[in-house]
PDB file of all heavy atoms in Angstrom:
ATOM      1  N   GLY A   1      -4.006   0.927 -16.233  1.00  0.00           N
ATOM      2  CA  GLY A   1      -2.959   1.550 -15.434  1.00  0.00           C
ATOM      3  C   GLY A   1      -2.706   3.008 -15.741  1.00  0.00           C
ATOM      4  O   GLY A   1      -1.824   3.620 -15.129  1.00  0.00           O
ATOM      5  N   VAL A   2      -3.464   3.578 -16.682  1.00  0.00           N
ATOM      6  CA  VAL A   2      -3.275   4.993 -17.022  1.00  0.00           C
ATOM      7  C   VAL A   2      -3.764   5.873 -15.882  1.00  0.00           C
ATOM      8  O   VAL A   2      -4.804   5.616 -15.272  1.00  0.00           O
ATOM      9  CB  VAL A   2      -4.024   5.319 -18.329  1.00  0.00           C
ATOM     10  CG1 VAL A   2      -4.226   6.819 -18.490  1.00  0.00           C
ATOM     11  CG2 VAL A   2      -3.278   4.757 -19.524  1.00  0.00           C
ATOM     12  N   SER A   3      -3.008   6.935 -15.597  1.00  0.00           N
ATOM     13  CA  SER A   3      -3.389   7.905 -14.566  1.00  0.00           C
ATOM     14  C   SER A   3      -3.302   9.307 -15.141  1.00  0.00           C
ATOM     15  O   SER A   3      -2.635   9.550 -16.151  1.00  0.00           O
ATOM     16  CB  SER A   3      -2.474   7.780 -13.354  1.00  0.00           C
ATOM     17  OG  SER A   3      -1.115   8.009 -13.738  1.00  0.00           O
ATOM     18  N   VAL A   4      -3.981  10.237 -14.479  1.00  0.00           N
ATOM     19  CA  VAL A   4      -4.111  11.611 -14.986  1.00  0.00           C
ATOM     20  C   VAL A   4      -3.600  12.596 -13.936  1.00  0.00           C
ATOM     21  O   VAL A   4      -4.044  12.562 -12.782  1.00  0.00           O
ATOM     22  CB  VAL A   4      -5.580  11.942 -15.325  1.00  0.00           C
ATOM     23  CG1 VAL A   4      -5.695  13.359 -15.883  1.00  0.00           C
ATOM     24  CG2 VAL A   4      -6.156  10.922 -16.300  1.00  0.00           C
ATOM     25  N   GLY A   5      -2.694  13.472 -14.358  1.00  0.00           N
ATOM     26  CA  GLY A   5      -2.291  14.591 -13.522  1.00  0.00           C
ATOM     27  C   GLY A   5      -3.081  15.817 -13.928  1.00  0.00           C
ATOM     28  O   GLY A   5      -3.013  16.250 -15.082  1.00  0.00           O
ATOM     29  N   VAL A   6      -3.856  16.367 -13.026  1.00  0.00           N
ATOM     30  CA  VAL A   6      -4.708  17.528 -13.327  1.00  0.00           C
ATOM     31  C   VAL A   6      -3.916  18.794 -13.001  1.00  0.00           C
ATOM     32  O   VAL A   6      -3.604  19.058 -11.836  1.00  0.00           O
ATOM     33  CB  VAL A   6      -6.018  17.477 -12.537  1.00  0.00           C
ATOM     34  CG1 VAL A   6      -6.893  18.677 -12.888  1.00  0.00           C
ATOM     35  CG2 VAL A   6      -6.759  16.169 -12.814  1.00  0.00           C
ATOM     36  N   VAL A   7      -3.578  19.545 -14.040  1.00  0.00           N
ATOM     37  CA  VAL A   7      -2.701  20.702 -13.882  1.00  0.00           C
ATOM     38  C   VAL A   7      -3.492  21.865 -13.301  1.00  0.00           C
ATOM     39  O   VAL A   7      -4.561  22.225 -13.800  1.00  0.00           O
ATOM     40  CB  VAL A   7      -2.067  21.095 -15.224  1.00  0.00           C
ATOM     41  CG1 VAL A   7      -1.073  22.246 -15.018  1.00  0.00           C
ATOM     42  CG2 VAL A   7      -1.367  19.898 -15.862  1.00  0.00           C
ATOM     43  N   ASP A   8      -2.951  22.457 -12.262  1.00  0.00           N
ATOM     44  CA  ASP A   8      -3.585  23.598 -11.591  1.00  0.00           C
ATOM     45  C   ASP A   8      -3.258  24.868 -12.369  1.00  0.00           C
ATOM     46  O   ASP A   8      -2.118  25.352 -12.348  1.00  0.00           O
ATOM     47  CB  ASP A   8      -3.071  23.689 -10.158  1.00  0.00           C
ATOM     48  CG  ASP A   8      -3.711  24.830  -9.376  1.00  0.00           C
ATOM     49  OD1 ASP A   8      -4.745  25.363  -9.837  1.00  0.00           O
ATOM     50  OD2 ASP A   8      -3.181  25.195  -8.309  1.00  0.00           O
ATOM     51  N   VAL A   9      -4.254  25.396 -13.093  1.00  0.00           N
ATOM     52  CA  VAL A   9      -4.084  26.625 -13.866  1.00  0.00           C
ATOM     53  C   VAL A   9      -5.303  27.515 -13.645  1.00  0.00           C
ATOM     54  O   VAL A   9      -6.400  27.021 -13.359  1.00  0.00           O
ATOM     55  CB  VAL A   9      -3.920  26.340 -15.377  1.00  0.00           C
ATOM     56  CG1 VAL A   9      -2.583  25.668 -15.671  1.00  0.00           C
ATOM     57  CG2 VAL A   9      -5.073  25.524 -15.923  1.00  0.00           C
ATOM     58  N   PRO A  10      -5.148  28.828 -13.777  1.00  0.00           N
ATOM     59  CA  PRO A  10      -6.309  29.714 -13.634  1.00  0.00           C
ATOM     60  C   PRO A  10      -7.243  29.581 -14.830  1.00  0.00           C
ATOM     61  O   PRO A  10      -6.798  29.506 -15.976  1.00  0.00           O
ATOM     62  CB  PRO A  10      -5.682  31.114 -13.570  1.00  0.00           C
ATOM     63  CG  PRO A  10      -4.358  30.975 -14.252  1.00  0.00           C
ATOM     64  CD  PRO A  10      -3.895  29.576 -13.992  1.00  0.00           C
ATOM     65  N   ALA A  11      -8.550  29.519 -14.558  1.00  0.00           N
ATOM     66  CA  ALA A  11      -9.562  29.450 -15.607  1.00  0.00           C
ATOM     67  C   ALA A  11     -10.908  29.795 -14.971  1.00  0.00           C
ATOM     68  O   ALA A  11     -11.058  29.760 -13.736  1.00  0.00           O
ATOM     69  CB  ALA A  11      -9.620  28.059 -16.232  1.00  0.00           C
ATOM     70  N   LEU A  12     -11.878  30.130 -15.815  1.00  0.00           N
ATOM     71  CA  LEU A  12     -13.227  30.361 -15.314  1.00  0.00           C
ATOM     72  C   LEU A  12     -13.714  29.134 -14.548  1.00  0.00           C
ATOM     73  O   LEU A  12     -13.423  27.999 -14.925  1.00  0.00           O
ATOM     74  CB  LEU A  12     -14.190  30.623 -16.474  1.00  0.00           C
ATOM     75  CG  LEU A  12     -14.059  31.922 -17.267  1.00  0.00           C
ATOM     76  CD1 LEU A  12     -15.120  31.975 -18.349  1.00  0.00           C
ATOM     77  CD2 LEU A  12     -14.176  33.125 -16.347  1.00  0.00           C
ATOM     78  N   ASP A  13     -14.483  29.378 -13.500  1.00  0.00           N
ATOM     79  CA  ASP A  13     -14.975  28.272 -12.692  1.00  0.00           C
ATOM     80  C   ASP A  13     -15.761  27.264 -13.519  1.00  0.00           C
ATOM     81  O   ASP A  13     -15.634  26.046 -13.326  1.00  0.00           O
ATOM     82  CB  ASP A  13     -15.853  28.801 -11.553  1.00  0.00           C
ATOM     83  CG  ASP A  13     -15.046  29.461 -10.438  1.00  0.00           C
ATOM     84  OD1 ASP A  13     -13.804  29.273 -10.414  1.00  0.00           O
ATOM     85  OD2 ASP A  13     -15.652  30.168  -9.609  1.00  0.00           O
ATOM     86  N   VAL A  14     -16.577  27.752 -14.455  1.00  0.00           N
ATOM     87  CA  VAL A  14     -17.396  26.843 -15.253  1.00  0.00           C
ATOM     88  C   VAL A  14     -16.512  25.946 -16.123  1.00  0.00           C
ATOM     89  O   VAL A  14     -16.850  24.781 -16.375  1.00  0.00           O
ATOM     90  CB  VAL A  14     -18.412  27.639 -16.105  1.00  0.00           C
ATOM     91  CG1 VAL A  14     -17.723  28.473 -17.181  1.00  0.00           C
ATOM     92  CG2 VAL A  14     -19.445  26.717 -16.731  1.00  0.00           C
ATOM     93  N   ILE A  15     -15.366  26.455 -16.553  1.00  0.00           N
ATOM     94  CA  ILE A  15     -14.432  25.661 -17.349  1.00  0.00           C
ATOM     95  C   ILE A  15     -13.703  24.659 -16.457  1.00  0.00           C
ATOM     96  O   ILE A  15     -13.570  23.485 -16.817  1.00  0.00           O
ATOM     97  CB  ILE A  15     -13.445  26.583 -18.094  1.00  0.00           C
ATOM     98  CG1 ILE A  15     -14.193  27.417 -19.131  1.00  0.00           C
ATOM     99  CG2 ILE A  15     -12.325  25.777 -18.742  1.00  0.00           C
ATOM    100  CD1 ILE A  15     -13.333  28.447 -19.845  1.00  0.00           C
ATOM    101  N   ARG A  16     -13.237  25.108 -15.310  1.00  0.00           N
ATOM    102  CA  ARG A  16     -12.564  24.203 -14.381  1.00  0.00           C
ATOM    103  C   ARG A  16     -13.502  23.065 -13.978  1.00  0.00           C
ATOM    104  O   ARG A  16     -13.094  21.907 -13.890  1.00  0.00           O
ATOM    105  CB  ARG A  16     -12.084  24.966 -13.149  1.00  0.00           C
ATOM    106  CG  ARG A  16     -10.938  25.920 -13.431  1.00  0.00           C
ATOM    107  CD  ARG A  16     -10.694  26.855 -12.241  1.00  0.00           C
ATOM    108  NE  ARG A  16     -10.288  26.135 -11.055  1.00  0.00           N
ATOM    109  CZ  ARG A  16      -9.026  25.953 -10.674  1.00  0.00           C
ATOM    110  NH1 ARG A  16      -8.028  26.428 -11.415  1.00  0.00           N
ATOM    111  NH2 ARG A  16      -8.737  25.309  -9.568  1.00  0.00           N
ATOM    112  N   ASP A  17     -14.786  23.403 -13.741  1.00  0.00           N
ATOM    113  CA  ASP A  17     -15.759  22.388 -13.350  1.00  0.00           C
ATOM    114  C   ASP A  17     -15.975  21.374 -14.479  1.00  0.00           C
ATOM    115  O   ASP A  17     -16.106  20.168 -14.227  1.00  0.00           O
ATOM    116  CB  ASP A  17     -17.091  23.041 -12.982  1.00  0.00           C
ATOM    117  CG  ASP A  17     -17.020  23.836 -11.682  1.00  0.00           C
ATOM    118  OD1 ASP A  17     -16.027  23.682 -10.940  1.00  0.00           O
ATOM    119  OD2 ASP A  17     -17.953  24.621 -11.423  1.00  0.00           O
ATOM    120  N   ALA A  18     -16.015  21.862 -15.718  1.00  0.00           N
ATOM    121  CA  ALA A  18     -16.224  20.970 -16.856  1.00  0.00           C
ATOM    122  C   ALA A  18     -15.042  20.020 -17.036  1.00  0.00           C
ATOM    123  O   ALA A  18     -15.222  18.827 -17.329  1.00  0.00           O
ATOM    124  CB  ALA A  18     -16.453  21.789 -18.123  1.00  0.00           C
ATOM    125  N   VAL A  19     -13.843  20.542 -16.868  1.00  0.00           N
ATOM    126  CA  VAL A  19     -12.641  19.702 -16.976  1.00  0.00           C
ATOM    127  C   VAL A  19     -12.632  18.660 -15.853  1.00  0.00           C
ATOM    128  O   VAL A  19     -12.364  17.469 -16.088  1.00  0.00           O
ATOM    129  CB  VAL A  19     -11.378  20.576 -16.950  1.00  0.00           C
ATOM    130  CG1 VAL A  19     -10.127  19.729 -16.717  1.00  0.00           C
ATOM    131  CG2 VAL A  19     -11.260  21.367 -18.244  1.00  0.00           C
ATOM    132  N   ALA A  20     -12.942  19.105 -14.642  1.00  0.00           N
ATOM    133  CA  ALA A  20     -12.976  18.165 -13.510  1.00  0.00           C
ATOM    134  C   ALA A  20     -14.010  17.072 -13.738  1.00  0.00           C
ATOM    135  O   ALA A  20     -13.763  15.888 -13.439  1.00  0.00           O
ATOM    136  CB  ALA A  20     -13.266  18.923 -12.224  1.00  0.00           C
ATOM    137  N   ALA A  21     -15.170  17.436 -14.292  1.00  0.00           N
ATOM    138  CA  ALA A  21     -16.225  16.456 -14.551  1.00  0.00           C
ATOM    139  C   ALA A  21     -15.783  15.455 -15.622  1.00  0.00           C
ATOM    140  O   ALA A  21     -16.072  14.255 -15.517  1.00  0.00           O
ATOM    141  CB  ALA A  21     -17.507  17.160 -14.980  1.00  0.00           C
ATOM    142  N   ALA A  22     -15.070  15.929 -16.645  1.00  0.00           N
ATOM    143  CA  ALA A  22     -14.602  15.038 -17.704  1.00  0.00           C
ATOM    144  C   ALA A  22     -13.571  14.051 -17.167  1.00  0.00           C
ATOM    145  O   ALA A  22     -13.597  12.859 -17.505  1.00  0.00           O
ATOM    146  CB  ALA A  22     -14.016  15.850 -18.850  1.00  0.00           C
ATOM    147  N   VAL A  23     -12.665  14.536 -16.332  1.00  0.00           N
ATOM    148  CA  VAL A  23     -11.648  13.650 -15.752  1.00  0.00           C
ATOM    149  C   VAL A  23     -12.311  12.640 -14.823  1.00  0.00           C
ATOM    150  O   VAL A  23     -12.014  11.432 -14.877  1.00  0.00           O
ATOM    151  CB  VAL A  23     -10.576  14.472 -15.019  1.00  0.00           C
ATOM    152  CG1 VAL A  23      -9.627  13.555 -14.258  1.00  0.00           C
ATOM    153  CG2 VAL A  23      -9.794  15.339 -15.999  1.00  0.00           C
ATOM    154  N   ALA A  24     -13.229  13.114 -13.996  1.00  0.00           N
ATOM    155  CA  ALA A  24     -13.921  12.191 -13.087  1.00  0.00           C
ATOM    156  C   ALA A  24     -14.727  11.158 -13.873  1.00  0.00           C
ATOM    157  O   ALA A  24     -14.736   9.964 -13.534  1.00  0.00           O
ATOM    158  CB  ALA A  24     -14.823  12.981 -12.144  1.00  0.00           C
ATOM    159  N   GLY A  25     -15.384  11.604 -14.921  1.00  0.00           N
ATOM    160  CA  GLY A  25     -16.203  10.710 -15.725  1.00  0.00           C
ATOM    161  C   GLY A  25     -15.401   9.658 -16.464  1.00  0.00           C
ATOM    162  O   GLY A  25     -15.937   8.610 -16.848  1.00  0.00           O
ATOM    163  N   SER A  26     -14.117   9.920 -16.661  1.00  0.00           N
ATOM    164  CA  SER A  26     -13.269   8.948 -17.360  1.00  0.00           C
ATOM    165  C   SER A  26     -13.028   7.694 -16.534  1.00  0.00           C
ATOM    166  O   SER A  26     -12.666   6.643 -17.071  1.00  0.00           O
ATOM    167  CB  SER A  26     -11.921   9.579 -17.713  1.00  0.00           C
ATOM    168  OG  SER A  26     -11.091   9.713 -16.558  1.00  0.00           O
ATOM    169  N   GLY A  27     -13.198   7.821 -15.216  1.00  0.00           N
ATOM    170  CA  GLY A  27     -12.927   6.698 -14.328  1.00  0.00           C
ATOM    171  C   GLY A  27     -11.451   6.423 -14.096  1.00  0.00           C
ATOM    172  O   GLY A  27     -11.094   5.447 -13.425  1.00  0.00           O
ATOM    173  N   LEU A  28     -10.576   7.274 -14.628  1.00  0.00           N
ATOM    174  CA  LEU A  28      -9.132   7.079 -14.476  1.00  0.00           C
ATOM    175  C   LEU A  28      -8.663   7.742 -13.183  1.00  0.00           C
ATOM    176  O   LEU A  28      -9.139   8.829 -12.828  1.00  0.00           O
ATOM    177  CB  LEU A  28      -8.390   7.683 -15.670  1.00  0.00           C
ATOM    178  CG  LEU A  28      -8.750   7.118 -17.041  1.00  0.00           C
ATOM    179  CD1 LEU A  28      -8.082   7.918 -18.151  1.00  0.00           C
ATOM    180  CD2 LEU A  28      -8.360   5.648 -17.133  1.00  0.00           C
ATOM    181  N   PRO A  29      -7.727   7.140 -12.466  1.00  0.00           N
ATOM    182  CA  PRO A  29      -7.222   7.771 -11.247  1.00  0.00           C
ATOM    183  C   PRO A  29      -6.536   9.092 -11.564  1.00  0.00           C
ATOM    184  O   PRO A  29      -5.819   9.201 -12.565  1.00  0.00           O
ATOM    185  CB  PRO A  29      -6.232   6.742 -10.687  1.00  0.00           C
ATOM    186  CG  PRO A  29      -5.881   5.863 -11.837  1.00  0.00           C
ATOM    187  CD  PRO A  29      -7.075   5.847 -12.743  1.00  0.00           C
ATOM    188  N   ALA A  30      -6.765  10.092 -10.724  1.00  0.00           N
ATOM    189  CA  ALA A  30      -6.252  11.435 -10.996  1.00  0.00           C
ATOM    190  C   ALA A  30      -5.782  12.090  -9.717  1.00  0.00           C
ATOM    191  O   ALA A  30      -6.274  11.796  -8.620  1.00  0.00           O
ATOM    192  CB  ALA A  30      -7.340  12.293 -11.655  1.00  0.00           C
ATOM    193  N   ALA A  31      -4.822  12.991  -9.863  1.00  0.00           N
ATOM    194  CA  ALA A  31      -4.305  13.764  -8.742  1.00  0.00           C
ATOM    195  C   ALA A  31      -3.798  15.100  -9.286  1.00  0.00           C
ATOM    196  O   ALA A  31      -3.465  15.211 -10.471  1.00  0.00           O
ATOM    197  CB  ALA A  31      -3.179  13.010  -8.029  1.00  0.00           C
TER     198      ALA A  31
END
């Protein structure tokens, strides 16, 4: 039942992509 809120903050695209990939890879629902 754990869910993830992905905070919208400025960062390099490569960093934002890496964070997004880690959250997606976790399999946890996110918004």
